[in-house]
Amino acid sequence: MGRMRARGQGLSQLALPYRHSVPTWLKLTSGDVKEQIYKLAKKGLTPSQTGVIVRDSQGIAQVHFVTGNKISRILSLNMECRARGTSGVGFPAEIAV
């Protein structure tokens, strides 16, 4: 809740955990999470809906802790790679399997 006559945000401001690394109990890799995001995007879900589904089904609180990028950036990079005719790893589309 913001204050009327002061700049401070108080204790109600959102505070994410300081640790930005992958949890030790998480067995999914970055590629697995990205594939899940691509599948959900093909169904027509928005990035926020995708994040909620990944959080609830896979137990991933913040996707960018695992992948290094936000969901919207992952999808935009995927669209750029498809427009150039390459896969996400930098290989031509004919070679990438």
Protein backbone atom coordinates (compact mmCIF):
# COMPACT_ATOMS: atom_id res chain seq x y z
CA MET A 1 0.00 0.00 0.00
CA GLY A 2 1.47 3.33 -0.97
CA ARG A 3 1.65 6.34 1.27
CA MET A 4 -0.13 9.56 0.44
CA ARG A 5 2.50 12.13 1.39
CA ALA A 6 5.77 10.22 1.44
CA ARG A 7 7.94 8.36 -1.05
CA GLY A 8 8.38 5.18 1.01
CA GLN A 9 6.53 2.00 0.21
CA GLY A 10 6.52 0.52 3.68
CA LEU A 11 6.61 -3.18 4.50
CA SER A 12 3.81 -4.04 2.09
CA GLN A 13 6.09 -3.80 -0.93
CA LEU A 14 6.74 -7.09 -2.74
CA ALA A 15 10.00 -8.73 -1.71
CA LEU A 16 11.34 -11.66 -3.74
CA PRO A 17 13.82 -14.02 -2.11
CA TYR A 18 17.44 -12.93 -2.30
CA ARG A 19 18.66 -16.29 -3.55
CA HIS A 20 18.41 -16.45 -7.34
CA SER A 21 19.64 -19.99 -7.95
CA VAL A 22 17.84 -23.18 -8.90
CA PRO A 23 16.54 -25.14 -5.89
CA THR A 24 18.47 -28.33 -5.18
CA TRP A 25 15.33 -30.47 -5.18
CA LEU A 26 14.31 -29.38 -8.70
CA LYS A 27 15.27 -32.04 -11.25
CA LEU A 28 14.04 -30.20 -14.36
CA THR A 29 16.54 -28.60 -16.70
CA SER A 30 16.23 -25.29 -18.49
CA GLY A 31 15.36 -27.07 -21.73
CA ASP A 32 12.51 -29.00 -20.11
CA VAL A 33 10.97 -25.81 -18.77
CA LYS A 34 11.33 -24.05 -22.13
CA GLU A 35 9.62 -26.93 -23.93
CA GLN A 36 6.71 -26.72 -21.47
CA ILE A 37 6.49 -22.95 -22.11
CA TYR A 38 6.46 -23.48 -25.90
CA LYS A 39 3.67 -26.07 -25.63
CA LEU A 40 1.53 -23.79 -23.49
CA ALA A 41 2.15 -20.84 -25.82
CA LYS A 42 1.00 -22.92 -28.80
CA LYS A 43 -2.29 -23.46 -26.95
CA GLY A 44 -2.75 -19.68 -26.92
CA LEU A 45 -2.02 -18.93 -23.27
CA THR A 46 -0.51 -15.61 -22.21
CA PRO A 47 2.88 -15.51 -20.45
CA SER A 48 1.22 -14.83 -17.09
CA GLN A 49 -1.14 -17.79 -17.49
CA THR A 50 1.83 -19.91 -18.56
CA GLY A 51 3.73 -18.89 -15.43
CA VAL A 52 0.81 -19.86 -13.20
CA ILE A 53 0.49 -23.29 -14.83
CA VAL A 54 4.24 -23.96 -14.67
CA ARG A 55 4.27 -22.86 -11.03
CA ASP A 56 1.34 -25.09 -10.06
CA SER A 57 2.27 -28.18 -12.09
CA GLN A 58 6.08 -28.20 -11.92
CA GLY A 59 6.70 -26.34 -8.65
CA ILE A 60 8.79 -23.61 -10.27
CA ALA A 61 8.16 -20.34 -8.45
CA GLN A 62 10.19 -18.08 -10.76
CA VAL A 63 10.94 -19.29 -14.30
CA HIS A 64 13.87 -16.92 -14.72
CA PHE A 65 15.68 -18.55 -11.79
CA VAL A 66 15.77 -21.80 -13.80
CA THR A 67 16.11 -20.54 -17.37
CA GLY A 68 17.82 -17.20 -16.92
CA ASN A 69 15.10 -15.37 -18.89
CA LYS A 70 11.53 -14.32 -18.33
CA ILE A 71 8.73 -16.18 -20.12
CA SER A 72 8.00 -13.32 -22.51
CA ARG A 73 11.69 -13.08 -23.46
CA ILE A 74 11.90 -16.85 -24.03
CA LEU A 75 8.91 -16.67 -26.37
CA SER A 76 10.22 -13.63 -28.24
CA LEU A 77 13.64 -15.27 -28.75
CA ASN A 78 11.89 -18.38 -30.03
CA MET A 79 9.87 -16.30 -32.52
CA GLU A 80 13.03 -14.52 -33.73
CA CYS A 81 14.80 -17.84 -34.27
CA ARG A 82 11.86 -19.23 -36.21
CA ALA A 83 11.72 -16.11 -38.38
CA ARG A 84 15.41 -16.50 -39.26
CA GLY A 85 14.97 -20.21 -39.96
CA THR A 86 17.23 -21.42 -37.16
CA SER A 87 16.59 -23.40 -34.04
CA GLY A 88 17.03 -21.89 -30.59
CA VAL A 89 20.58 -23.22 -30.29
CA GLY A 90 21.98 -21.53 -33.36
CA PHE A 91 21.94 -24.43 -35.84
CA PRO A 92 20.18 -24.19 -39.22
CA ALA A 93 16.66 -25.60 -39.27
CA GLU A 94 17.66 -28.49 -41.58
CA ILE A 95 20.32 -29.75 -39.16
CA ALA A 96 18.44 -29.21 -35.89
CA VAL A 97 16.37 -32.19 -34.81
